[in-house]
mmCIF file of all heavy atoms, coordinates in Angstrom:
data_MODEL
# 
_entry.id   MODEL 
# 
loop_
_atom_site.group_PDB 
_atom_site.id 
_atom_site.type_symbol 
_atom_site.label_atom_id 
_atom_site.label_alt_id 
_atom_site.label_comp_id 
_atom_site.label_asym_id 
_atom_site.label_entity_id 
_atom_site.label_seq_id 
_atom_site.pdbx_PDB_ins_code 
_atom_site.Cartn_x 
_atom_site.Cartn_y 
_atom_site.Cartn_z 
_atom_site.occupancy 
_atom_site.B_iso_or_equiv 
_atom_site.pdbx_formal_charge 
_atom_site.auth_seq_id 
_atom_site.auth_comp_id 
_atom_site.auth_asym_id 
_atom_site.auth_atom_id 
_atom_site.pdbx_PDB_model_num 
ATOM 1   N N   . SER A 1 1  ? 17.697  35.605 -19.818 1.00 0.00 ? 1  SER A N   1 
ATOM 2   C CA  . SER A 1 1  ? 17.364  34.267 -19.351 1.00 0.00 ? 1  SER A CA  1 
ATOM 3   C C   . SER A 1 1  ? 18.157  33.251 -20.162 1.00 0.00 ? 1  SER A C   1 
ATOM 4   O O   . SER A 1 1  ? 18.447  33.460 -21.341 1.00 0.00 ? 1  SER A O   1 
ATOM 5   C CB  . SER A 1 1  ? 15.864  33.988 -19.514 1.00 0.00 ? 1  SER A CB  1 
ATOM 6   O OG  . SER A 1 1  ? 15.102  34.878 -18.748 1.00 0.00 ? 1  SER A OG  1 
ATOM 7   N N   . GLY A 1 2  ? 18.471  32.140 -19.518 1.00 0.00 ? 2  GLY A N   1 
ATOM 8   C CA  . GLY A 1 2  ? 19.128  31.066 -20.228 1.00 0.00 ? 2  GLY A CA  1 
ATOM 9   C C   . GLY A 1 2  ? 18.179  30.409 -21.208 1.00 0.00 ? 2  GLY A C   1 
ATOM 10  O O   . GLY A 1 2  ? 16.967  30.641 -21.183 1.00 0.00 ? 2  GLY A O   1 
ATOM 11  N N   . LEU A 1 3  ? 18.737  29.579 -22.076 1.00 0.00 ? 3  LEU A N   1 
ATOM 12  C CA  . LEU A 1 3  ? 17.930  28.929 -23.109 1.00 0.00 ? 3  LEU A CA  1 
ATOM 13  C C   . LEU A 1 3  ? 16.821  28.086 -22.509 1.00 0.00 ? 3  LEU A C   1 
ATOM 14  O O   . LEU A 1 3  ? 15.673  28.120 -22.961 1.00 0.00 ? 3  LEU A O   1 
ATOM 15  C CB  . LEU A 1 3  ? 18.829  28.062 -23.998 1.00 0.00 ? 3  LEU A CB  1 
ATOM 16  C CG  . LEU A 1 3  ? 18.120  27.278 -25.109 1.00 0.00 ? 3  LEU A CG  1 
ATOM 17  C CD1 . LEU A 1 3  ? 17.418  28.229 -26.071 1.00 0.00 ? 3  LEU A CD1 1 
ATOM 18  C CD2 . LEU A 1 3  ? 19.117  26.388 -25.851 1.00 0.00 ? 3  LEU A CD2 1 
ATOM 19  N N   . VAL A 1 4  ? 17.136  27.327 -21.440 1.00 0.00 ? 4  VAL A N   1 
ATOM 20  C CA  . VAL A 1 4  ? 16.132  26.457 -20.825 1.00 0.00 ? 4  VAL A CA  1 
ATOM 21  C C   . VAL A 1 4  ? 14.985  27.286 -20.258 1.00 0.00 ? 4  VAL A C   1 
ATOM 22  O O   . VAL A 1 4  ? 13.807  26.980 -20.460 1.00 0.00 ? 4  VAL A O   1 
ATOM 23  C CB  . VAL A 1 4  ? 16.770  25.587 -19.730 1.00 0.00 ? 4  VAL A CB  1 
ATOM 24  C CG1 . VAL A 1 4  ? 15.695  24.789 -18.987 1.00 0.00 ? 4  VAL A CG1 1 
ATOM 25  C CG2 . VAL A 1 4  ? 17.804  24.632 -20.347 1.00 0.00 ? 4  VAL A CG2 1 
ATOM 26  N N   . ALA A 1 5  ? 15.341  28.360 -19.544 1.00 0.00 ? 5  ALA A N   1 
ATOM 27  C CA  . ALA A 1 5  ? 14.300  29.218 -18.964 1.00 0.00 ? 5  ALA A CA  1 
ATOM 28  C C   . ALA A 1 5  ? 13.463  29.870 -20.051 1.00 0.00 ? 5  ALA A C   1 
ATOM 29  O O   . ALA A 1 5  ? 12.238  29.980 -19.932 1.00 0.00 ? 5  ALA A O   1 
ATOM 30  C CB  . ALA A 1 5  ? 14.942  30.279 -18.070 1.00 0.00 ? 5  ALA A CB  1 
ATOM 31  N N   . ARG A 1 6  ? 14.125  30.298 -21.127 1.00 0.00 ? 6  ARG A N   1 
ATOM 32  C CA  . ARG A 1 6  ? 13.412  30.945 -22.220 1.00 0.00 ? 6  ARG A CA  1 
ATOM 33  C C   . ARG A 1 6  ? 12.417  29.980 -22.874 1.00 0.00 ? 6  ARG A C   1 
ATOM 34  O O   . ARG A 1 6  ? 11.253  30.317 -23.084 1.00 0.00 ? 6  ARG A O   1 
ATOM 35  C CB  . ARG A 1 6  ? 14.420  31.425 -23.267 1.00 0.00 ? 6  ARG A CB  1 
ATOM 36  C CG  . ARG A 1 6  ? 13.812  31.897 -24.581 1.00 0.00 ? 6  ARG A CG  1 
ATOM 37  C CD  . ARG A 1 6  ? 13.276  33.290 -24.495 1.00 0.00 ? 6  ARG A CD  1 
ATOM 38  N NE  . ARG A 1 6  ? 12.548  33.666 -25.697 1.00 0.00 ? 6  ARG A NE  1 
ATOM 39  C CZ  . ARG A 1 6  ? 12.142  34.892 -25.965 1.00 0.00 ? 6  ARG A CZ  1 
ATOM 40  N NH1 . ARG A 1 6  ? 12.397  35.867 -25.129 1.00 0.00 ? 6  ARG A NH1 1 
ATOM 41  N NH2 . ARG A 1 6  ? 11.477  35.159 -27.068 1.00 0.00 ? 6  ARG A NH2 1 
ATOM 42  N N   . VAL A 1 7  ? 12.859  28.768 -23.172 1.00 0.00 ? 7  VAL A N   1 
ATOM 43  C CA  . VAL A 1 7  ? 11.972  27.775 -23.789 1.00 0.00 ? 7  VAL A CA  1 
ATOM 44  C C   . VAL A 1 7  ? 10.830  27.429 -22.853 1.00 0.00 ? 7  VAL A C   1 
ATOM 45  O O   . VAL A 1 7  ? 9.670   27.310 -23.261 1.00 0.00 ? 7  VAL A O   1 
ATOM 46  C CB  . VAL A 1 7  ? 12.773  26.519 -24.186 1.00 0.00 ? 7  VAL A CB  1 
ATOM 47  C CG1 . VAL A 1 7  ? 11.831  25.407 -24.627 1.00 0.00 ? 7  VAL A CG1 1 
ATOM 48  C CG2 . VAL A 1 7  ? 13.763  26.846 -25.293 1.00 0.00 ? 7  VAL A CG2 1 
ATOM 49  N N   . GLY A 1 8  ? 11.151  27.295 -21.550 1.00 0.00 ? 8  GLY A N   1 
ATOM 50  C CA  . GLY A 1 8  ? 10.118  26.990 -20.573 1.00 0.00 ? 8  GLY A CA  1 
ATOM 51  C C   . GLY A 1 8  ? 9.054   28.066 -20.517 1.00 0.00 ? 8  GLY A C   1 
ATOM 52  O O   . GLY A 1 8  ? 7.850   27.778 -20.476 1.00 0.00 ? 8  GLY A O   1 
ATOM 53  N N   . MET A 1 9  ? 9.489   29.318 -20.522 1.00 0.00 ? 9  MET A N   1 
ATOM 54  C CA  . MET A 1 9  ? 8.536   30.421 -20.496 1.00 0.00 ? 9  MET A CA  1 
ATOM 55  C C   . MET A 1 9  ? 7.663   30.439 -21.746 1.00 0.00 ? 9  MET A C   1 
ATOM 56  O O   . MET A 1 9  ? 6.456   30.690 -21.675 1.00 0.00 ? 9  MET A O   1 
ATOM 57  C CB  . MET A 1 9  ? 9.295   31.742 -20.360 1.00 0.00 ? 9  MET A CB  1 
ATOM 58  C CG  . MET A 1 9  ? 9.826   32.010 -18.971 1.00 0.00 ? 9  MET A CG  1 
ATOM 59  S SD  . MET A 1 9  ? 8.494   32.327 -17.785 1.00 0.00 ? 9  MET A SD  1 
ATOM 60  C CE  . MET A 1 9  ? 7.917   33.930 -18.349 1.00 0.00 ? 9  MET A CE  1 
ATOM 61  N N   . GLU A 1 10 ? 8.271   30.178 -22.894 1.00 0.00 ? 10 GLU A N   1 
ATOM 62  C CA  . GLU A 1 10 ? 7.495   30.145 -24.137 1.00 0.00 ? 10 GLU A CA  1 
ATOM 63  C C   . GLU A 1 10 ? 6.431   29.049 -24.080 1.00 0.00 ? 10 GLU A C   1 
ATOM 64  O O   . GLU A 1 10 ? 5.296   29.240 -24.530 1.00 0.00 ? 10 GLU A O   1 
ATOM 65  C CB  . GLU A 1 10 ? 8.424   29.907 -25.333 1.00 0.00 ? 10 GLU A CB  1 
ATOM 66  C CG  . GLU A 1 10 ? 9.333   31.073 -25.677 1.00 0.00 ? 10 GLU A CG  1 
ATOM 67  C CD  . GLU A 1 10 ? 8.610   32.188 -26.417 1.00 0.00 ? 10 GLU A CD  1 
ATOM 68  O OE1 . GLU A 1 10 ? 7.376   32.093 -26.594 1.00 0.00 ? 10 GLU A OE1 1 
ATOM 69  O OE2 . GLU A 1 10 ? 9.290   33.155 -26.797 1.00 0.00 ? 10 GLU A OE2 1 
ATOM 70  N N   . LEU A 1 11 ? 6.785   27.887 -23.514 1.00 0.00 ? 11 LEU A N   1 
ATOM 71  C CA  . LEU A 1 11 ? 5.849   26.767 -23.440 1.00 0.00 ? 11 LEU A CA  1 
ATOM 72  C C   . LEU A 1 11 ? 4.667   27.073 -22.529 1.00 0.00 ? 11 LEU A C   1 
ATOM 73  O O   . LEU A 1 11 ? 3.531   26.695 -22.814 1.00 0.00 ? 11 LEU A O   1 
ATOM 74  C CB  . LEU A 1 11 ? 6.572   25.512 -22.953 1.00 0.00 ? 11 LEU A CB  1 
ATOM 75  C CG  . LEU A 1 11 ? 7.546   24.851 -23.927 1.00 0.00 ? 11 LEU A CG  1 
ATOM 76  C CD1 . LEU A 1 11 ? 8.298   23.720 -23.243 1.00 0.00 ? 11 LEU A CD1 1 
ATOM 77  C CD2 . LEU A 1 11 ? 6.790   24.312 -25.141 1.00 0.00 ? 11 LEU A CD2 1 
ATOM 78  N N   . PHE A 1 12 ? 4.931   27.755 -21.427 1.00 0.00 ? 12 PHE A N   1 
ATOM 79  C CA  . PHE A 1 12 ? 3.887   27.989 -20.440 1.00 0.00 ? 12 PHE A CA  1 
ATOM 80  C C   . PHE A 1 12 ? 3.155   29.311 -20.620 1.00 0.00 ? 12 PHE A C   1 
ATOM 81  O O   . PHE A 1 12 ? 2.137   29.543 -19.973 1.00 0.00 ? 12 PHE A O   1 
ATOM 82  C CB  . PHE A 1 12 ? 4.497   27.938 -19.030 1.00 0.00 ? 12 PHE A CB  1 
ATOM 83  C CG  . PHE A 1 12 ? 4.809   26.548 -18.551 1.00 0.00 ? 12 PHE A CG  1 
ATOM 84  C CD1 . PHE A 1 12 ? 6.107   26.090 -18.545 1.00 0.00 ? 12 PHE A CD1 1 
ATOM 85  C CD2 . PHE A 1 12 ? 3.794   25.711 -18.121 1.00 0.00 ? 12 PHE A CD2 1 
ATOM 86  C CE1 . PHE A 1 12 ? 6.403   24.806 -18.103 1.00 0.00 ? 12 PHE A CE1 1 
ATOM 87  C CE2 . PHE A 1 12 ? 4.069   24.432 -17.681 1.00 0.00 ? 12 PHE A CE2 1 
ATOM 88  C CZ  . PHE A 1 12 ? 5.382   23.973 -17.665 1.00 0.00 ? 12 PHE A CZ  1 
ATOM 89  N N   . ARG A 1 13 ? 3.664   30.184 -21.487 1.00 0.00 ? 13 ARG A N   1 
ATOM 90  C CA  . ARG A 1 13 ? 3.106   31.530 -21.563 1.00 0.00 ? 13 ARG A CA  1 
ATOM 91  C C   . ARG A 1 13 ? 1.614   31.534 -21.882 1.00 0.00 ? 13 ARG A C   1 
ATOM 92  O O   . ARG A 1 13 ? 0.826   32.193 -21.189 1.00 0.00 ? 13 ARG A O   1 
ATOM 93  C CB  . ARG A 1 13 ? 3.860   32.357 -22.603 1.00 0.00 ? 13 ARG A CB  1 
ATOM 94  C CG  . ARG A 1 13 ? 3.395   33.800 -22.649 1.00 0.00 ? 13 ARG A CG  1 
ATOM 95  C CD  . ARG A 1 13 ? 4.070   34.590 -23.743 1.00 0.00 ? 13 ARG A CD  1 
ATOM 96  N NE  . ARG A 1 13 ? 3.700   35.994 -23.701 1.00 0.00 ? 13 ARG A NE  1 
ATOM 97  C CZ  . ARG A 1 13 ? 4.019   36.889 -24.631 1.00 0.00 ? 13 ARG A CZ  1 
ATOM 98  N NH1 . ARG A 1 13 ? 4.732   36.510 -25.698 1.00 0.00 ? 13 ARG A NH1 1 
ATOM 99  N NH2 . ARG A 1 13 ? 3.633   38.147 -24.520 1.00 0.00 ? 13 ARG A NH2 1 
ATOM 100 N N   . SER A 1 14 ? 1.198   30.847 -22.927 1.00 0.00 ? 14 SER A N   1 
ATOM 101 C CA  . SER A 1 14 ? -0.208  30.898 -23.324 1.00 0.00 ? 14 SER A CA  1 
ATOM 102 C C   . SER A 1 14 ? -1.103  30.283 -22.253 1.00 0.00 ? 14 SER A C   1 
ATOM 103 O O   . SER A 1 14 ? -2.214  30.772 -22.000 1.00 0.00 ? 14 SER A O   1 
ATOM 104 C CB  . SER A 1 14 ? -0.423  30.197 -24.670 1.00 0.00 ? 14 SER A CB  1 
ATOM 105 O OG  . SER A 1 14 ? -0.044  28.838 -24.587 1.00 0.00 ? 14 SER A OG  1 
ATOM 106 N N   . ARG A 1 15 ? -0.620  29.228 -21.598 1.00 0.00 ? 15 ARG A N   1 
ATOM 107 C CA  . ARG A 1 15 ? -1.404  28.603 -20.537 1.00 0.00 ? 15 ARG A CA  1 
ATOM 108 C C   . ARG A 1 15 ? -1.586  29.573 -19.359 1.00 0.00 ? 15 ARG A C   1 
ATOM 109 O O   . ARG A 1 15 ? -2.676  29.696 -18.800 1.00 0.00 ? 15 ARG A O   1 
ATOM 110 C CB  . ARG A 1 15 ? -0.716  27.323 -20.058 1.00 0.00 ? 15 ARG A CB  1 
ATOM 111 C CG  . ARG A 1 15 ? -1.488  26.567 -18.984 1.00 0.00 ? 15 ARG A CG  1 
ATOM 112 C CD  . ARG A 1 15 ? -0.736  25.341 -18.507 1.00 0.00 ? 15 ARG A CD  1 
ATOM 113 N NE  . ARG A 1 15 ? -0.478  24.421 -19.602 1.00 0.00 ? 15 ARG A NE  1 
ATOM 114 C CZ  . ARG A 1 15 ? 0.226   23.288 -19.458 1.00 0.00 ? 15 ARG A CZ  1 
ATOM 115 N NH1 . ARG A 1 15 ? 0.745   22.978 -18.283 1.00 0.00 ? 15 ARG A NH1 1 
ATOM 116 N NH2 . ARG A 1 15 ? 0.401   22.497 -20.484 1.00 0.00 ? 15 ARG A NH2 1 
ATOM 117 N N   . LEU A 1 16 ? -0.509  30.273 -19.000 1.00 0.00 ? 16 LEU A N   1 
ATOM 118 C CA  . LEU A 1 16 ? -0.589  31.229 -17.903 1.00 0.00 ? 16 LEU A CA  1 
ATOM 119 C C   . LEU A 1 16 ? -1.474  32.420 -18.267 1.00 0.00 ? 16 LEU A C   1 
ATOM 120 O O   . LEU A 1 16 ? -2.191  32.952 -17.414 1.00 0.00 ? 16 LEU A O   1 
ATOM 121 C CB  . LEU A 1 16 ? 0.813   31.700 -17.516 1.00 0.00 ? 16 LEU A CB  1 
ATOM 122 C CG  . LEU A 1 16 ? 1.680   30.659 -16.799 1.00 0.00 ? 16 LEU A CG  1 
ATOM 123 C CD1 . LEU A 1 16 ? 3.121   31.140 -16.702 1.00 0.00 ? 16 LEU A CD1 1 
ATOM 124 C CD2 . LEU A 1 16 ? 1.128   30.357 -15.408 1.00 0.00 ? 16 LEU A CD2 1 
ATOM 125 N N   . GLN A 1 17 ? -1.438  32.838 -19.526 1.00 0.00 ? 17 GLN A N   1 
ATOM 126 C CA  . GLN A 1 17 ? -2.325  33.918 -19.948 1.00 0.00 ? 17 GLN A CA  1 
ATOM 127 C C   . GLN A 1 17 ? -3.791  33.506 -19.803 1.00 0.00 ? 17 GLN A C   1 
ATOM 128 O O   . GLN A 1 17 ? -4.624  34.290 -19.316 1.00 0.00 ? 17 GLN A O   1 
ATOM 129 C CB  . GLN A 1 17 ? -2.027  34.304 -21.399 1.00 0.00 ? 17 GLN A CB  1 
ATOM 130 C CG  . GLN A 1 17 ? -0.750  35.090 -21.590 1.00 0.00 ? 17 GLN A CG  1 
ATOM 131 C CD  . GLN A 1 17 ? -0.465  35.389 -23.048 1.00 0.00 ? 17 GLN A CD  1 
ATOM 132 O OE1 . GLN A 1 17 ? -0.893  34.650 -23.949 1.00 0.00 ? 17 GLN A OE1 1 
ATOM 133 N NE2 . GLN A 1 17 ? 0.263   36.458 -23.309 1.00 0.00 ? 17 GLN A NE2 1 
ATOM 134 N N   . ARG A 1 18 ? -4.105  32.286 -20.219 1.00 0.00 ? 18 ARG A N   1 
ATOM 135 C CA  . ARG A 1 18 ? -5.490  31.815 -20.101 1.00 0.00 ? 18 ARG A CA  1 
ATOM 136 C C   . ARG A 1 18 ? -5.919  31.754 -18.634 1.00 0.00 ? 18 ARG A C   1 
ATOM 137 O O   . ARG A 1 18 ? -7.035  32.143 -18.286 1.00 0.00 ? 18 ARG A O   1 
ATOM 138 C CB  . ARG A 1 18 ? -5.648  30.445 -20.766 1.00 0.00 ? 18 ARG A CB  1 
ATOM 139 C CG  . ARG A 1 18 ? -5.555  30.477 -22.287 1.00 0.00 ? 18 ARG A CG  1 
ATOM 140 C CD  . ARG A 1 18 ? -6.057  29.173 -22.901 1.00 0.00 ? 18 ARG A CD  1 
ATOM 141 N NE  . ARG A 1 18 ? -5.247  28.029 -22.493 1.00 0.00 ? 18 ARG A NE  1 
ATOM 142 C CZ  . ARG A 1 18 ? -4.149  27.628 -23.137 1.00 0.00 ? 18 ARG A CZ  1 
ATOM 143 N NH1 . ARG A 1 18 ? -3.720  28.272 -24.216 1.00 0.00 ? 18 ARG A NH1 1 
ATOM 144 N NH2 . ARG A 1 18 ? -3.488  26.564 -22.726 1.00 0.00 ? 18 ARG A NH2 1 
ATOM 145 N N   . TRP A 1 19 ? -5.025  31.267 -17.782 1.00 0.00 ? 19 TRP A N   1 
ATOM 146 C CA  . TRP A 1 19 ? -5.344  31.214 -16.358 1.00 0.00 ? 19 TRP A CA  1 
ATOM 147 C C   . TRP A 1 19 ? -5.524  32.617 -15.788 1.00 0.00 ? 19 TRP A C   1 
ATOM 148 O O   . TRP A 1 19 ? -6.434  32.872 -14.992 1.00 0.00 ? 19 TRP A O   1 
ATOM 149 C CB  . TRP A 1 19 ? -4.234  30.485 -15.592 1.00 0.00 ? 19 TRP A CB  1 
ATOM 150 C CG  . TRP A 1 19 ? -4.505  30.453 -14.105 1.00 0.00 ? 19 TRP A CG  1 
ATOM 151 C CD1 . TRP A 1 19 ? -5.259  29.546 -13.426 1.00 0.00 ? 19 TRP A CD1 1 
ATOM 152 C CD2 . TRP A 1 19 ? -4.057  31.407 -13.128 1.00 0.00 ? 19 TRP A CD2 1 
ATOM 153 N NE1 . TRP A 1 19 ? -5.315  29.866 -12.093 1.00 0.00 ? 19 TRP A NE1 1 
ATOM 154 C CE2 . TRP A 1 19 ? -4.575  31.006 -11.881 1.00 0.00 ? 19 TRP A CE2 1 
ATOM 155 C CE3 . TRP A 1 19 ? -3.262  32.551 -13.194 1.00 0.00 ? 19 TRP A CE3 1 
ATOM 156 C CZ2 . TRP A 1 19 ? -4.322  31.708 -10.694 1.00 0.00 ? 19 TRP A CZ2 1 
ATOM 157 C CZ3 . TRP A 1 19 ? -3.008  33.261 -12.026 1.00 0.00 ? 19 TRP A CZ3 1 
ATOM 158 C CH2 . TRP A 1 19 ? -3.528  32.844 -10.795 1.00 0.00 ? 19 TRP A CH2 1 
ATOM 159 N N   . ASP A 1 20 ? -4.673  33.539 -16.193 1.00 0.00 ? 20 ASP A N   1 
ATOM 160 C CA  . ASP A 1 20 ? -4.745  34.902 -15.697 1.00 0.00 ? 20 ASP A CA  1 
ATOM 161 C C   . ASP A 1 20 ? -6.091  35.534 -16.028 1.00 0.00 ? 20 ASP A C   1 
ATOM 162 O O   . ASP A 1 20 ? -6.712  36.192 -15.178 1.00 0.00 ? 20 ASP A O   1 
ATOM 163 C CB  . ASP A 1 20 ? -3.597  35.723 -16.290 1.00 0.00 ? 20 ASP A CB  1 
ATOM 164 C CG  . ASP A 1 20 ? -3.377  37.044 -15.583 1.00 0.00 ? 20 ASP A CG  1 
ATOM 165 O OD1 . ASP A 1 20 ? -3.436  37.063 -14.341 1.00 0.00 ? 20 ASP A OD1 1 
ATOM 166 O OD2 . ASP A 1 20 ? -3.144  38.051 -16.267 1.00 0.00 ? 20 ASP A OD2 1 
ATOM 167 N N   . VAL A 1 21 ? -6.548  35.341 -17.242 1.00 0.00 ? 21 VAL A N   1 
ATOM 168 C CA  . VAL A 1 21 ? -7.849  35.889 -17.659 1.00 0.00 ? 21 VAL A CA  1 
ATOM 169 C C   . VAL A 1 21 ? -8.983  35.200 -16.908 1.00 0.00 ? 21 VAL A C   1 
ATOM 170 O O   . VAL A 1 21 ? -9.917  35.853 -16.415 1.00 0.00 ? 21 VAL A O   1 
ATOM 171 C CB  . VAL A 1 21 ? -8.034  35.749 -19.183 1.00 0.00 ? 21 VAL A CB  1 
ATOM 172 C CG1 . VAL A 1 21 ? -9.454  36.148 -19.592 1.00 0.00 ? 21 VAL A CG1 1 
ATOM 173 C CG2 . VAL A 1 21 ? -7.012  36.594 -19.924 1.00 0.00 ? 21 VAL A CG2 1 
ATOM 174 N N   . ALA A 1 22 ? -8.915  33.866 -16.801 1.00 0.00 ? 22 ALA A N   1 
ATOM 175 C CA  . ALA A 1 22 ? -9.983  33.130 -16.125 1.00 0.00 ? 22 ALA A CA  1 
ATOM 176 C C   . ALA A 1 22 ? -10.076 33.512 -14.648 1.00 0.00 ? 22 ALA A C   1 
ATOM 177 O O   . ALA A 1 22 ? -11.172 33.671 -14.103 1.00 0.00 ? 22 ALA A O   1 
ATOM 178 C CB  . ALA A 1 22 ? -9.750  31.628 -16.267 1.00 0.00 ? 22 ALA A CB  1 
ATOM 179 N N   . SER A 1 23 ? -8.928  33.672 -13.989 1.00 0.00 ? 23 SER A N   1 
ATOM 180 C CA  . SER A 1 23 ? -8.938  34.007 -12.573 1.00 0.00 ? 23 SER A CA  1 
ATOM 181 C C   . SER A 1 23 ? -9.473  35.414 -12.336 1.00 0.00 ? 23 SER A C   1 
ATOM 182 O O   . SER A 1 23 ? -10.055 35.703 -11.282 1.00 0.00 ? 23 SER A O   1 
ATOM 183 C CB  . SER A 1 23 ? -7.538  33.863 -11.970 1.00 0.00 ? 23 SER A CB  1 
ATOM 184 O OG  . SER A 1 23 ? -6.640  34.804 -12.528 1.00 0.00 ? 23 SER A OG  1 
ATOM 185 N N   . ALA A 1 24 ? -9.298  36.308 -13.315 1.00 0.00 ? 24 ALA A N   1 
ATOM 186 C CA  . ALA A 1 24 ? -9.820  37.667 -13.180 1.00 0.00 ? 24 ALA A CA  1 
ATOM 187 C C   . ALA A 1 24 ? -11.339 37.680 -13.074 1.00 0.00 ? 24 ALA A C   1 
ATOM 188 O O   . ALA A 1 24 ? -11.923 38.581 -12.456 1.00 0.00 ? 24 ALA A O   1 
ATOM 189 C CB  . ALA A 1 24 ? -9.369  38.525 -14.362 1.00 0.00 ? 24 ALA A CB  1 
ATOM 190 N N   . ALA A 1 25 ? -11.983 36.681 -13.665 1.00 0.00 ? 25 ALA A N   1 
ATOM 191 C CA  . ALA A 1 25 ? -13.444 36.622 -13.628 1.00 0.00 ? 25 ALA A CA  1 
ATOM 192 C C   . ALA A 1 25 ? -13.976 36.364 -12.225 1.00 0.00 ? 25 ALA A C   1 
ATOM 193 O O   . ALA A 1 25 ? -15.164 36.597 -11.954 1.00 0.00 ? 25 ALA A O   1 
ATOM 194 C CB  . ALA A 1 25 ? -13.939 35.537 -14.584 1.00 0.00 ? 25 ALA A CB  1 
ATOM 195 N N   . GLN A 1 26 ? -13.119 35.883 -11.325 1.00 0.00 ? 26 GLN A N   1 
ATOM 196 C CA  . GLN A 1 26 ? -13.552 35.586 -9.957  1.00 0.00 ? 26 GLN A CA  1 
ATOM 197 C C   . GLN A 1 26 ? -13.524 36.823 -9.055  1.00 0.00 ? 26 GLN A C   1 
ATOM 198 O O   . GLN A 1 26 ? -13.992 36.765 -7.922  1.00 0.00 ? 26 GLN A O   1 
ATOM 199 C CB  . GLN A 1 26 ? -12.647 34.504 -9.360  1.00 0.00 ? 26 GLN A CB  1 
ATOM 200 C CG  . GLN A 1 26 ? -12.605 33.216 -10.158 1.00 0.00 ? 26 GLN A CG  1 
ATOM 201 C CD  . GLN A 1 26 ? -11.626 32.221 -9.575  1.00 0.00 ? 26 GLN A CD  1 
ATOM 202 O OE1 . GLN A 1 26 ? -11.692 31.897 -8.395  1.00 0.00 ? 26 GLN A OE1 1 
ATOM 203 N NE2 . GLN A 1 26 ? -10.702 31.744 -10.386 1.00 0.00 ? 26 GLN A NE2 1 
# 
């Protein structure tokens, strides 16, 4: 991945993990 994509993924990773866990509860 390019630098921009890599930084973007790092920024959103924890937020997406939290959403992934929360959505599993449904």
